[in-house]
PDB file of N, CA and C in Angstrom:
ATOM      1  N   MET A   1    -120.339 -56.132  -6.693  1.00  0.00           N
ATOM      2  CA  MET A   1    -119.047 -56.919  -6.773  1.00  0.00           C
ATOM      3  C   MET A   1    -118.059 -55.967  -6.215  1.00  0.00           C
ATOM      4  N   LYS A   2    -117.149 -55.768  -5.138  1.00  0.00           N
ATOM      5  CA  LYS A   2    -115.973 -54.902  -5.494  1.00  0.00           C
ATOM      6  C   LYS A   2    -114.900 -55.379  -4.839  1.00  0.00           C
ATOM      7  N   GLY A   3    -113.927 -54.968  -5.489  1.00  0.00           N
ATOM      8  CA  GLY A   3    -112.679 -55.494  -5.240  1.00  0.00           C
ATOM      9  C   GLY A   3    -111.074 -54.519  -5.651  1.00  0.00           C
ATOM     10  N   TYR A   4    -110.125 -55.012  -4.899  1.00  0.00           N
ATOM     11  CA  TYR A   4    -109.210 -54.408  -5.174  1.00  0.00           C
ATOM     12  C   TYR A   4    -108.024 -54.661  -5.826  1.00  0.00           C
ATOM     13  N   LYS A   5    -107.355 -53.934  -6.844  1.00  0.00           N
ATOM     14  CA  LYS A   5    -106.403 -54.773  -8.195  1.00  0.00           C
ATOM     15  C   LYS A   5    -105.503 -53.676  -7.704  1.00  0.00           C
ATOM     16  N   THR A   6    -104.666 -54.282  -8.734  1.00  0.00           N
ATOM     17  CA  THR A   6    -103.452 -53.166  -9.175  1.00  0.00           C
ATOM     18  C   THR A   6    -103.638 -53.070 -10.908  1.00  0.00           C
ATOM     19  N   ILE A   7    -103.532 -52.430 -11.736  1.00  0.00           N
ATOM     20  CA  ILE A   7    -102.771 -52.391 -13.367  1.00  0.00           C
ATOM     21  C   ILE A   7    -101.516 -51.738 -13.509  1.00  0.00           C
ATOM     22  N   ARG A   8    -100.726 -52.710 -14.262  1.00  0.00           N
ATOM     23  CA  ARG A   8     -99.557 -52.190 -14.365  1.00  0.00           C
ATOM     24  C   ARG A   8     -99.138 -52.140 -15.602  1.00  0.00           C
ATOM     25  N   LEU A   9     -98.521 -50.354 -15.831  1.00  0.00           N
ATOM     26  CA  LEU A   9     -98.350 -49.731 -17.185  1.00  0.00           C
ATOM     27  C   LEU A   9     -97.084 -50.031 -17.437  1.00  0.00           C
ATOM     28  N   PHE A  10     -96.825 -49.600 -18.829  1.00  0.00           N
ATOM     29  CA  PHE A  10     -95.660 -50.208 -19.582  1.00  0.00           C
ATOM     30  C   PHE A  10     -94.237 -49.465 -18.940  1.00  0.00           C
ATOM     31  N   ASP A  11     -94.423 -48.567 -17.920  1.00  0.00           N
ATOM     32  CA  ASP A  11     -92.958 -47.881 -17.577  1.00  0.00           C
ATOM     33  C   ASP A  11     -92.706 -48.760 -16.336  1.00  0.00           C
ATOM     34  N   ASP A  12     -93.914 -49.949 -16.183  1.00  0.00           N
ATOM     35  CA  ASP A  12     -93.512 -50.624 -14.683  1.00  0.00           C
ATOM     36  C   ASP A  12     -94.110 -50.207 -13.330  1.00  0.00           C
ATOM     37  N   PHE A  13     -94.869 -49.035 -13.689  1.00  0.00           N
ATOM     38  CA  PHE A  13     -95.658 -48.412 -12.526  1.00  0.00           C
ATOM     39  C   PHE A  13     -96.840 -49.245 -12.541  1.00  0.00           C
ATOM     40  N   SER A  14     -97.234 -49.564 -11.038  1.00  0.00           N
ATOM     41  CA  SER A  14     -98.537 -50.220 -10.308  1.00  0.00           C
ATOM     42  C   SER A  14     -99.200 -49.549  -9.920  1.00  0.00           C
ATOM     43  N   LEU A  15    -100.504 -49.396 -10.784  1.00  0.00           N
ATOM     44  CA  LEU A  15    -101.534 -48.484 -10.113  1.00  0.00           C
ATOM     45  C   LEU A  15    -102.227 -48.963  -9.331  1.00  0.00           C
ATOM     46  N   PRO A  16    -102.783 -48.757  -7.966  1.00  0.00           N
ATOM     47  CA  PRO A  16    -104.096 -49.005  -7.411  1.00  0.00           C
ATOM     48  C   PRO A  16    -104.982 -48.687  -8.107  1.00  0.00           C
ATOM     49  N   CYS A  17    -106.151 -49.793  -8.364  1.00  0.00           N
ATOM     50  CA  CYS A  17    -107.176 -49.325  -8.478  1.00  0.00           C
ATOM     51  C   CYS A  17    -108.756 -50.371  -7.795  1.00  0.00           C
ATOM     52  N   MET A  18    -109.839 -49.635  -8.199  1.00  0.00           N
ATOM     53  CA  MET A  18    -111.118 -50.470  -7.557  1.00  0.00           C
ATOM     54  C   MET A  18    -111.521 -51.213  -8.526  1.00  0.00           C
ATOM     55  N   VAL A  19    -112.099 -51.952  -8.490  1.00  0.00           N
ATOM     56  CA  VAL A  19    -113.053 -52.670  -9.690  1.00  0.00           C
ATOM     57  C   VAL A  19    -114.007 -53.402  -9.247  1.00  0.00           C
ATOM     58  N   SER A  20    -115.280 -52.422 -10.341  1.00  0.00           N
ATOM     59  CA  SER A  20    -116.746 -53.175  -9.265  1.00  0.00           C
ATOM     60  C   SER A  20    -117.297 -53.286 -10.395  1.00  0.00           C
ATOM     61  N   ILE A  21    -118.334 -54.233 -10.544  1.00  0.00           N
ATOM     62  CA  ILE A  21    -119.206 -54.850 -11.733  1.00  0.00           C
ATOM     63  C   ILE A  21    -120.650 -53.973 -10.853  1.00  0.00           C
ATOM     64  N   ILE A  22    -121.312 -53.759 -11.551  1.00  0.00           N
ATOM     65  CA  ILE A  22    -122.554 -53.270 -11.409  1.00  0.00           C
ATOM     66  C   ILE A  22    -123.523 -53.558 -12.834  1.00  0.00           C
ATOM     67  N   SER A  23    -124.596 -54.453 -11.672  1.00  0.00           N
ATOM     68  CA  SER A  23    -125.305 -55.015 -12.869  1.00  0.00           C
ATOM     69  C   SER A  23    -127.287 -54.641 -12.146  1.00  0.00           C
ATOM     70  N   THR A  24    -127.875 -54.519 -13.286  1.00  0.00           N
ATOM     71  CA  THR A  24    -129.073 -53.800 -12.714  1.00  0.00           C
ATOM     72  C   THR A  24    -129.917 -54.277 -14.290  1.00  0.00           C
ATOM     73  N   ASN A  25    -131.580 -54.437 -14.044  1.00  0.00           N
ATOM     74  CA  ASN A  25    -132.389 -55.184 -14.478  1.00  0.00           C
ATOM     75  C   ASN A  25    -132.713 -53.673 -15.613  1.00  0.00           C
ATOM     76  N   GLU A  26    -132.563 -52.134 -15.134  1.00  0.00           N
ATOM     77  CA  GLU A  26    -133.250 -51.215 -15.599  1.00  0.00           C
ATOM     78  C   GLU A  26    -132.190 -50.730 -16.904  1.00  0.00           C
ATOM     79  N   GLU A  27    -131.011 -51.039 -16.836  1.00  0.00           N
ATOM     80  CA  GLU A  27    -129.469 -50.449 -17.660  1.00  0.00           C
ATOM     81  C   GLU A  27    -128.643 -50.965 -17.995  1.00  0.00           C
ATOM     82  N   SER A  28    -127.693 -50.458 -18.329  1.00  0.00           N
ATOM     83  CA  SER A  28    -127.101 -51.464 -18.714  1.00  0.00           C
ATOM     84  C   SER A  28    -125.807 -51.544 -17.477  1.00  0.00           C
ATOM     85  N   ASP A  29    -125.276 -52.714 -18.028  1.00  0.00           N
ATOM     86  CA  ASP A  29    -124.145 -53.280 -17.023  1.00  0.00           C
ATOM     87  C   ASP A  29    -122.941 -52.652 -17.334  1.00  0.00           C
ATOM     88  N   TRP A  30    -122.046 -52.544 -15.887  1.00  0.00           N
ATOM     89  CA  TRP A  30    -121.316 -51.988 -15.756  1.00  0.00           C
ATOM     90  C   TRP A  30    -120.056 -52.673 -15.395  1.00  0.00           C
ATOM     91  N   LEU A  31    -119.126 -52.748 -15.548  1.00  0.00           N
ATOM     92  CA  LEU A  31    -117.287 -53.079 -15.239  1.00  0.00           C
ATOM     93  C   LEU A  31    -116.161 -51.755 -15.137  1.00  0.00           C
ATOM     94  N   ASP A  32    -116.325 -50.937 -13.790  1.00  0.00           N
ATOM     95  CA  ASP A  32    -116.157 -49.692 -13.391  1.00  0.00           C
ATOM     96  C   ASP A  32    -114.265 -50.180 -12.846  1.00  0.00           C
ATOM     97  N   ILE A  33    -113.759 -49.857 -13.457  1.00  0.00           N
ATOM     98  CA  ILE A  33    -112.052 -49.749 -12.819  1.00  0.00           C
ATOM     99  C   ILE A  33    -112.269 -48.554 -12.744  1.00  0.00           C
ATOM    100  N   ALA A  34    -111.964 -48.011 -11.254  1.00  0.00           N
ATOM    101  CA  ALA A  34    -111.336 -46.572 -10.623  1.00  0.00           C
ATOM    102  C   ALA A  34    -109.726 -46.552 -10.079  1.00  0.00           C
ATOM    103  N   ILE A  35    -109.364 -45.311 -10.831  1.00  0.00           N
ATOM    104  CA  ILE A  35    -108.060 -45.519 -10.422  1.00  0.00           C
ATOM    105  C   ILE A  35    -107.903 -44.272  -9.710  1.00  0.00           C
ATOM    106  N   PRO A  36    -107.550 -43.781  -8.591  1.00  0.00           N
ATOM    107  CA  PRO A  36    -107.570 -42.733  -7.618  1.00  0.00           C
ATOM    108  C   PRO A  36    -106.685 -41.298  -8.303  1.00  0.00           C
ATOM    109  N   GLU A  37    -107.216 -40.398  -8.160  1.00  0.00           N
ATOM    110  CA  GLU A  37    -105.896 -39.246  -8.929  1.00  0.00           C
ATOM    111  C   GLU A  37    -104.814 -38.614  -8.034  1.00  0.00           C
ATOM    112  N   ALA A  38    -104.998 -38.864  -6.807  1.00  0.00           N
ATOM    113  CA  ALA A  38    -103.438 -38.899  -5.937  1.00  0.00           C
ATOM    114  C   ALA A  38    -102.606 -39.718  -6.569  1.00  0.00           C
ATOM    115  N   ILE A  39    -103.132 -41.057  -7.097  1.00  0.00           N
ATOM    116  CA  ILE A  39    -102.383 -41.774  -7.520  1.00  0.00           C
ATOM    117  C   ILE A  39    -101.110 -41.179  -8.865  1.00  0.00           C
ATOM    118  N   PHE A  40    -101.869 -40.891  -9.489  1.00  0.00           N
ATOM    119  CA  PHE A  40    -101.400 -40.410 -10.934  1.00  0.00           C
ATOM    120  C   PHE A  40    -100.417 -39.003  -9.847  1.00  0.00           C
ATOM    121  N   GLU A  41    -100.790 -38.230  -9.407  1.00  0.00           N
ATOM    122  CA  GLU A  41     -99.845 -36.782  -8.611  1.00  0.00           C
ATOM    123  C   GLU A  41     -98.911 -37.809  -8.148  1.00  0.00           C
ATOM    124  N   LYS A  42     -99.147 -38.749  -7.358  1.00  0.00           N
ATOM    125  CA  LYS A  42     -97.597 -39.079  -7.171  1.00  0.00           C
ATOM    126  C   LYS A  42     -96.193 -39.761  -7.823  1.00  0.00           C
ATOM    127  N   ILE A  43     -97.214 -40.402  -8.898  1.00  0.00           N
ATOM    128  CA  ILE A  43     -96.251 -40.775 -10.546  1.00  0.00           C
ATOM    129  C   ILE A  43     -96.032 -39.863 -11.104  1.00  0.00           C
ATOM    130  N   TYR A  44     -96.818 -38.925 -11.787  1.00  0.00           N
ATOM    131  CA  TYR A  44     -96.362 -38.260 -13.133  1.00  0.00           C
ATOM    132  C   TYR A  44     -96.678 -36.926 -12.593  1.00  0.00           C
ATOM    133  N   HIS A  45     -96.282 -36.257 -13.713  1.00  0.00           N
ATOM    134  CA  HIS A  45     -96.496 -34.814 -13.167  1.00  0.00           C
ATOM    135  C   HIS A  45     -97.839 -34.698 -13.944  1.00  0.00           C
ATOM    136  N   TYR A  46     -98.154 -34.262 -12.830  1.00  0.00           N
ATOM    137  CA  TYR A  46    -100.186 -33.960 -12.960  1.00  0.00           C
ATOM    138  C   TYR A  46    -100.530 -32.576 -13.172  1.00  0.00           C
ATOM    139  N   LYS A  47    -101.757 -32.305 -14.234  1.00  0.00           N
ATOM    140  CA  LYS A  47    -102.185 -31.088 -14.357  1.00  0.00           C
ATOM    141  C   LYS A  47    -104.083 -31.296 -14.165  1.00  0.00           C
ATOM    142  N   TYR A  48    -104.628 -30.264 -13.899  1.00  0.00           N
ATOM    143  CA  TYR A  48    -106.006 -30.564 -13.592  1.00  0.00           C
ATOM    144  C   TYR A  48    -106.025 -29.447 -14.883  1.00  0.00           C
ATOM    145  N   PRO A  49    -107.106 -29.578 -15.537  1.00  0.00           N
ATOM    146  CA  PRO A  49    -107.808 -30.906 -15.674  1.00  0.00           C
ATOM    147  C   PRO A  49    -107.008 -32.204 -16.419  1.00  0.00           C
ATOM    148  N   LEU A  50    -107.622 -33.152 -16.163  1.00  0.00           N
ATOM    149  CA  LEU A  50    -106.879 -34.369 -16.695  1.00  0.00           C
ATOM    150  C   LEU A  50    -107.063 -34.442 -18.180  1.00  0.00           C
ATOM    151  N   THR A  51    -106.414 -34.046 -19.200  1.00  0.00           N
ATOM    152  CA  THR A  51    -106.214 -34.047 -20.496  1.00  0.00           C
ATOM    153  C   THR A  51    -105.205 -34.482 -21.068  1.00  0.00           C
ATOM    154  N   LYS A  52    -105.188 -35.415 -22.323  1.00  0.00           N
ATOM    155  CA  LYS A  52    -103.616 -35.315 -22.718  1.00  0.00           C
ATOM    156  C   LYS A  52    -103.199 -34.234 -23.056  1.00  0.00           C
ATOM    157  N   GLU A  53    -103.396 -33.057 -23.567  1.00  0.00           N
ATOM    158  CA  GLU A  53    -102.810 -31.918 -23.737  1.00  0.00           C
ATOM    159  C   GLU A  53    -102.212 -31.712 -22.718  1.00  0.00           C
ATOM    160  N   LEU A  54    -102.395 -31.862 -21.242  1.00  0.00           N
ATOM    161  CA  LEU A  54    -101.804 -31.300 -20.430  1.00  0.00           C
ATOM    162  C   LEU A  54    -100.860 -32.501 -19.515  1.00  0.00           C
ATOM    163  N   ASN A  55    -101.294 -33.486 -19.892  1.00  0.00           N
ATOM    164  CA  ASN A  55    -100.801 -34.720 -19.185  1.00  0.00           C
ATOM    165  C   ASN A  55    -100.320 -36.100 -20.147  1.00  0.00           C
ATOM    166  N   PRO A  56     -99.513 -35.634 -21.128  1.00  0.00           N
ATOM    167  CA  PRO A  56     -99.284 -36.765 -21.845  1.00  0.00           C
ATOM    168  C   PRO A  56     -99.374 -37.806 -21.728  1.00  0.00           C
ATOM    169  N   TRP A  57     -98.797 -38.492 -20.614  1.00  0.00           N
ATOM    170  CA  TRP A  57     -98.701 -39.735 -19.958  1.00  0.00           C
ATOM    171  C   TRP A  57     -99.880 -40.267 -19.924  1.00  0.00           C
ATOM    172  N   LEU A  58    -101.197 -39.781 -19.786  1.00  0.00           N
ATOM    173  CA  LEU A  58    -102.238 -40.248 -20.237  1.00  0.00           C
ATOM    174  C   LEU A  58    -102.293 -41.365 -21.406  1.00  0.00           C
ATOM    175  N   GLU A  59    -101.970 -40.800 -21.980  1.00  0.00           N
ATOM    176  CA  GLU A  59    -102.308 -41.934 -23.697  1.00  0.00           C
ATOM    177  C   GLU A  59    -101.660 -43.031 -22.931  1.00  0.00           C
ATOM    178  N   GLN A  60    -100.236 -43.506 -22.228  1.00  0.00           N
ATOM    179  CA  GLN A  60     -99.849 -44.857 -21.655  1.00  0.00           C
ATOM    180  C   GLN A  60    -100.822 -45.062 -20.731  1.00  0.00           C
ATOM    181  N   VAL A  61    -101.453 -44.868 -20.139  1.00  0.00           N
ATOM    182  CA  VAL A  61    -102.403 -45.083 -19.274  1.00  0.00           C
ATOM    183  C   VAL A  61    -103.952 -45.522 -19.905  1.00  0.00           C
ATOM    184  N   ASP A  62    -104.135 -44.835 -21.066  1.00  0.00           N
ATOM    185  CA  ASP A  62    -105.041 -45.004 -22.052  1.00  0.00           C
ATOM    186  C   ASP A  62    -104.853 -46.620 -22.931  1.00  0.00           C
ATOM    187  N   GLU A  63    -104.018 -47.011 -23.279  1.00  0.00           N
ATOM    188  CA  GLU A  63    -103.363 -47.556 -23.918  1.00  0.00           C
ATOM    189  C   GLU A  63    -103.558 -48.699 -23.306  1.00  0.00           C
ATOM    190  N   VAL A  64    -103.150 -49.051 -21.997  1.00  0.00           N
ATOM    191  CA  VAL A  64    -103.550 -50.357 -20.985  1.00  0.00           C
ATOM    192  C   VAL A  64    -104.437 -50.466 -20.985  1.00  0.00           C
ATOM    193  N   LEU A  65    -105.567 -49.536 -20.302  1.00  0.00           N
ATOM    194  CA  LEU A  65    -107.047 -49.731 -20.153  1.00  0.00           C
ATOM    195  C   LEU A  65    -108.084 -50.050 -21.557  1.00  0.00           C
ATOM    196  N   ILE A  66    -107.228 -49.890 -22.618  1.00  0.00           N
ATOM    197  CA  ILE A  66    -107.725 -50.393 -23.980  1.00  0.00           C
ATOM    198  C   ILE A  66    -107.566 -51.875 -24.146  1.00  0.00           C
ATOM    199  N   LYS A  67    -106.362 -51.472 -24.179  1.00  0.00           N
ATOM    200  CA  LYS A  67    -105.746 -53.582 -24.019  1.00  0.00           C
ATOM    201  C   LYS A  67    -106.534 -54.660 -23.205  1.00  0.00           C
ATOM    202  N   LEU A  68    -106.381 -53.594 -21.929  1.00  0.00           N
ATOM    203  CA  LEU A  68    -107.796 -54.529 -20.750  1.00  0.00           C
ATOM    204  C   LEU A  68    -109.164 -54.752 -21.837  1.00  0.00           C
ATOM    205  N   ALA A  69    -109.947 -53.894 -21.827  1.00  0.00           N
ATOM    206  CA  ALA A  69    -110.865 -53.684 -22.495  1.00  0.00           C
ATOM    207  C   ALA A  69    -111.175 -54.720 -24.218  1.00  0.00           C
ATOM    208  N   GLU A  70    -110.305 -54.664 -24.923  1.00  0.00           N
ATOM    209  CA  GLU A  70    -109.884 -55.787 -25.532  1.00  0.00           C
ATOM    210  C   GLU A  70    -109.763 -57.317 -25.108  1.00  0.00           C
ATOM    211  N   PHE A  71    -109.281 -57.253 -24.252  1.00  0.00           N
ATOM    212  CA  PHE A  71    -109.034 -58.788 -23.888  1.00  0.00           C
ATOM    213  C   PHE A  71    -110.138 -59.324 -22.488  1.00  0.00           C
ATOM    214  N   ILE A  72    -110.924 -57.977 -22.457  1.00  0.00           N
ATOM    215  CA  ILE A  72    -112.253 -58.779 -21.660  1.00  0.00           C
ATOM    216  C   ILE A  72    -113.362 -58.580 -22.997  1.00  0.00           C
ATOM    217  N   TYR A  73    -113.495 -58.394 -23.798  1.00  0.00           N
ATOM    218  CA  TYR A  73    -114.091 -58.306 -24.952  1.00  0.00           C
ATOM    219  C   TYR A  73    -114.126 -59.677 -25.941  1.00  0.00           C
ATOM    220  N   LYS A  74    -112.662 -60.194 -25.826  1.00  0.00           N
ATOM    221  CA  LYS A  74    -112.721 -61.397 -26.431  1.00  0.00           C
ATOM    222  C   LYS A  74    -113.354 -62.376 -25.493  1.00  0.00           C
ATOM    223  N   HIS A  75    -113.524 -62.577 -24.411  1.00  0.00           N
ATOM    224  CA  HIS A  75    -114.162 -63.223 -23.237  1.00  0.00           C
ATOM    225  C   HIS A  75    -115.673 -63.249 -22.949  1.00  0.00           C
ATOM    226  N   SER A  76    -116.109 -61.866 -23.144  1.00  0.00           N
ATOM    227  CA  SER A  76    -117.250 -61.696 -22.873  1.00  0.00           C
ATOM    228  C   SER A  76    -117.939 -60.585 -23.546  1.00  0.00           C
ATOM    229  N   PRO A  77    -118.200 -60.691 -24.771  1.00  0.00           N
ATOM    230  CA  PRO A  77    -118.599 -59.120 -25.793  1.00  0.00           C
ATOM    231  C   PRO A  77    -119.851 -58.642 -25.253  1.00  0.00           C
ATOM    232  N   PHE A  78    -118.726 -56.939 -25.316  1.00  0.00           N
ATOM    233  CA  PHE A  78    -120.208 -55.941 -24.785  1.00  0.00           C
ATOM    234  C   PHE A  78    -120.349 -54.834 -26.039  1.00  0.00           C
ATOM    235  N   ASP A  79    -120.988 -53.886 -25.649  1.00  0.00           N
ATOM    236  CA  ASP A  79    -121.687 -52.802 -26.898  1.00  0.00           C
ATOM    237  C   ASP A  79    -120.893 -51.922 -27.023  1.00  0.00           C
ATOM    238  N   LEU A  80    -120.275 -51.131 -25.550  1.00  0.00           N
ATOM    239  CA  LEU A  80    -119.839 -49.662 -25.319  1.00  0.00           C
ATOM    240  C   LEU A  80    -118.590 -49.816 -24.161  1.00  0.00           C
ATOM    241  N   ALA A  81    -117.751 -49.216 -24.516  1.00  0.00           N
ATOM    242  CA  ALA A  81    -116.747 -49.178 -23.400  1.00  0.00           C
ATOM    243  C   ALA A  81    -115.897 -47.476 -23.220  1.00  0.00           C
ATOM    244  N   MET A  82    -116.067 -47.255 -22.475  1.00  0.00           N
ATOM    245  CA  MET A  82    -115.458 -45.802 -22.220  1.00  0.00           C
ATOM    246  C   MET A  82    -114.564 -45.538 -21.566  1.00  0.00           C
ATOM    247  N   ILE A  83    -113.434 -44.428 -21.603  1.00  0.00           N
ATOM    248  CA  ILE A  83    -112.314 -43.970 -20.927  1.00  0.00           C
ATOM    249  C   ILE A  83    -112.576 -42.883 -20.860  1.00  0.00           C
ATOM    250  N   GLY A  84    -112.119 -42.060 -18.973  1.00  0.00           N
ATOM    251  CA  GLY A  84    -112.288 -41.133 -18.997  1.00  0.00           C
ATOM    252  C   GLY A  84    -112.092 -40.808 -17.622  1.00  0.00           C
ATOM    253  N   GLU A  85    -112.336 -39.542 -16.870  1.00  0.00           N
ATOM    254  CA  GLU A  85    -112.732 -39.212 -15.662  1.00  0.00           C
ATOM    255  C   GLU A  85    -114.002 -39.074 -15.195  1.00  0.00           C
ATOM    256  N   GLU A  86    -114.516 -40.132 -14.625  1.00  0.00           N
ATOM    257  CA  GLU A  86    -115.930 -39.548 -14.353  1.00  0.00           C
ATOM    258  C   GLU A  86    -116.547 -40.218 -14.950  1.00  0.00           C
ATOM    259  N   ILE A  87    -116.291 -40.621 -15.791  1.00  0.00           N
ATOM    260  CA  ILE A  87    -117.366 -41.433 -17.319  1.00  0.00           C
ATOM    261  C   ILE A  87    -118.253 -41.960 -17.049  1.00  0.00           C
ATOM    262  N   SER A  88    -118.754 -42.647 -15.937  1.00  0.00           N
ATOM    263  CA  SER A  88    -119.823 -43.552 -16.318  1.00  0.00           C
ATOM    264  C   SER A  88    -120.907 -43.158 -15.736  1.00  0.00           C
ATOM    265  N   GLY A  89    -121.099 -41.739 -14.847  1.00  0.00           N
ATOM    266  CA  GLY A  89    -121.903 -41.021 -14.959  1.00  0.00           C
ATOM    267  C   GLY A  89    -122.594 -40.071 -16.201  1.00  0.00           C
ATOM    268  N   TYR A  90    -122.176 -40.326 -17.319  1.00  0.00           N
ATOM    269  CA  TYR A  90    -122.087 -39.448 -18.259  1.00  0.00           C
ATOM    270  C   TYR A  90    -122.970 -40.082 -19.528  1.00  0.00           C
ATOM    271  N   THR A  91    -123.195 -41.552 -19.814  1.00  0.00           N
ATOM    272  CA  THR A  91    -124.183 -41.559 -20.694  1.00  0.00           C
ATOM    273  C   THR A  91    -125.006 -43.205 -20.477  1.00  0.00           C
ATOM    274  N   ASN A  92    -124.789 -44.246 -21.231  1.00  0.00           N
ATOM    275  CA  ASN A  92    -125.540 -45.456 -21.484  1.00  0.00           C
ATOM    276  C   ASN A  92    -125.463 -45.966 -22.585  1.00  0.00           C
ATOM    277  N   GLN A  93    -125.456 -47.384 -23.251  1.00  0.00           N
ATOM    278  CA  GLN A  93    -125.882 -48.160 -24.433  1.00  0.00           C
ATOM    279  C   GLN A  93    -126.579 -47.170 -25.070  1.00  0.00           C
ATOM    280  N   GLN A  94    -127.767 -46.908 -24.336  1.00  0.00           N
ATOM    281  CA  GLN A  94    -128.862 -46.134 -25.424  1.00  0.00           C
ATOM    282  C   GLN A  94    -128.901 -45.178 -25.713  1.00  0.00           C
ATOM    283  N   THR A  95    -128.149 -44.151 -24.882  1.00  0.00           N
ATOM    284  CA  THR A  95    -128.396 -42.802 -24.819  1.00  0.00           C
ATOM    285  C   THR A  95    -126.845 -42.411 -26.205  1.00  0.00           C
ATOM    286  N   PHE A  96    -125.915 -43.068 -26.129  1.00  0.00           N
ATOM    287  CA  PHE A  96    -124.522 -42.962 -26.924  1.00  0.00           C
ATOM    288  C   PHE A  96    -124.966 -42.853 -28.178  1.00  0.00           C
ATOM    289  N   PRO A  97    -123.815 -41.706 -28.399  1.00  0.00           N
ATOM    290  CA  PRO A  97    -124.551 -41.769 -30.610  1.00  0.00           C
ATOM    291  C   PRO A  97    -123.498 -42.385 -31.154  1.00  0.00           C
ATOM    292  N   LEU A  98    -124.000 -43.604 -31.263  1.00  0.00           N
ATOM    293  CA  LEU A  98    -122.544 -44.460 -31.782  1.00  0.00           C
ATOM    294  C   LEU A  98    -122.134 -43.828 -33.216  1.00  0.00           C
ATOM    295  N   ASN A  99    -123.027 -43.428 -34.180  1.00  0.00           N
ATOM    296  CA  ASN A  99    -122.448 -42.849 -35.355  1.00  0.00           C
ATOM    297  C   ASN A  99    -121.624 -41.528 -35.247  1.00  0.00           C
ATOM    298  N   ALA A 100    -121.618 -41.350 -34.224  1.00  0.00           N
ATOM    299  CA  ALA A 100    -121.288 -39.790 -34.061  1.00  0.00           C
ATOM    300  C   ALA A 100    -119.637 -39.612 -34.186  1.00  0.00           C
TER     301      ALA A 100
END
Protein backbone atom coordinates (compact mmCIF):
# COMPACT_ATOMS: atom_id res chain seq x y z
CA MET A 1 0.00 0.00 0.00
CA LYS A 2 1.30 3.46 -0.90
CA GLY A 3 -0.12 6.89 -0.35
CA TYR A 4 0.90 10.54 -0.30
CA LYS A 5 0.42 12.58 2.87
CA THR A 6 1.92 15.56 4.69
CA ILE A 7 3.70 15.85 8.04
CA ARG A 8 3.32 19.13 9.93
CA LEU A 9 6.36 20.31 11.84
CA PHE A 10 6.38 22.49 14.96
CA ASP A 11 7.30 25.57 12.93
CA ASP A 12 4.13 25.11 10.83
CA PHE A 13 5.93 23.79 7.77
CA SER A 14 4.14 20.92 6.09
CA LEU A 15 6.36 18.34 4.44
CA PRO A 16 4.96 16.13 1.71
CA CYS A 17 5.80 12.49 2.20
CA MET A 18 5.10 9.08 0.77
CA VAL A 19 3.77 6.45 3.16
CA SER A 20 4.28 2.77 2.29
CA ILE A 21 3.31 -0.36 4.15
CA ILE A 22 5.35 -3.41 3.21
CA SER A 23 4.47 -6.84 4.58
CA THR A 24 6.18 -10.12 3.73
CA ASN A 25 6.16 -13.58 5.28
CA GLU A 26 9.95 -13.90 5.31
CA GLU A 27 10.96 -10.61 6.94
CA SER A 28 9.82 -7.74 9.13
CA ASP A 29 6.83 -5.62 8.16
CA TRP A 30 7.64 -1.99 7.38
CA LEU A 31 5.83 1.30 7.67
CA ASP A 32 8.00 3.60 5.62
CA ILE A 33 7.57 7.40 5.67
CA ALA A 34 9.71 8.97 2.97
CA ILE A 35 10.29 12.74 2.80
CA PRO A 36 12.06 13.94 -0.36
CA GLU A 37 15.41 15.62 0.34
CA ALA A 38 14.53 18.30 -2.21
CA ILE A 39 11.79 19.51 0.17
CA PHE A 40 14.33 19.97 2.96
CA GLU A 41 16.54 21.94 0.55
CA LYS A 42 13.64 24.32 -0.19
CA ILE A 43 12.66 24.92 3.45
CA TYR A 44 15.92 24.72 5.41
CA HIS A 45 19.60 25.54 5.04
CA TYR A 46 20.55 22.04 3.89
CA LYS A 47 24.05 20.55 3.91
CA TYR A 48 25.03 17.06 2.84
CA PRO A 49 25.70 14.63 4.44
CA LEU A 50 22.40 14.77 6.26
CA THR A 51 23.63 14.90 9.89
CA LYS A 52 22.36 16.86 12.89
CA GLU A 53 25.76 18.50 13.24
CA LEU A 54 25.45 20.05 9.77
CA ASN A 55 21.64 20.36 9.82
CA PRO A 56 20.43 21.21 13.35
CA TRP A 57 16.84 21.53 12.09
CA LEU A 58 16.84 17.70 11.75
CA GLU A 59 16.25 17.51 15.51
CA GLN A 60 12.80 19.00 14.98
CA VAL A 61 12.01 16.56 12.16
CA ASP A 62 13.14 13.64 14.35
CA GLU A 63 10.94 14.85 17.23
CA VAL A 64 7.88 14.79 14.99
CA LEU A 65 8.74 11.32 13.67
CA ILE A 66 9.35 10.01 17.21
CA LYS A 67 5.97 11.36 18.35
CA LEU A 68 4.36 9.69 15.34
CA ALA A 69 6.09 6.38 16.19
CA GLU A 70 4.90 6.64 19.81
CA PHE A 71 1.32 7.24 18.65
CA ILE A 72 1.45 4.28 16.27
CA TYR A 73 3.00 2.06 18.96
CA LYS A 74 0.09 2.76 21.34
CA HIS A 75 -2.32 1.41 18.72
CA SER A 76 -0.15 -1.27 17.12
CA PRO A 77 2.97 -2.24 19.12
CA PHE A 78 6.14 -2.99 17.17
CA ASP A 79 9.65 -4.23 17.99
CA LEU A 80 11.86 -1.72 16.21
CA ALA A 81 11.68 1.83 14.85
CA MET A 82 14.45 3.58 12.90
CA ILE A 83 14.88 7.14 11.68
CA GLY A 84 17.45 8.13 9.08
CA GLU A 85 18.36 8.64 5.48
CA GLU A 86 17.72 5.45 3.46
CA ILE A 87 17.46 3.61 6.78
CA SER A 88 15.16 0.79 5.70
CA GLY A 89 17.93 -0.95 3.78
CA TYR A 90 20.30 -1.17 6.75
CA THR A 91 18.84 -3.91 8.91
CA ASN A 92 15.76 -5.64 10.28
CA GLN A 93 14.68 -6.61 13.78
CA GLN A 94 16.50 -9.97 13.58
CA THR A 95 19.91 -8.42 12.89
CA PHE A 96 19.70 -5.19 14.88
CA PRO A 97 21.87 -5.26 18.03
CA LEU A 98 19.23 -4.27 20.61
CA ASN A 99 21.76 -4.22 23.47
CA ALA A 100 24.18 -1.88 21.70
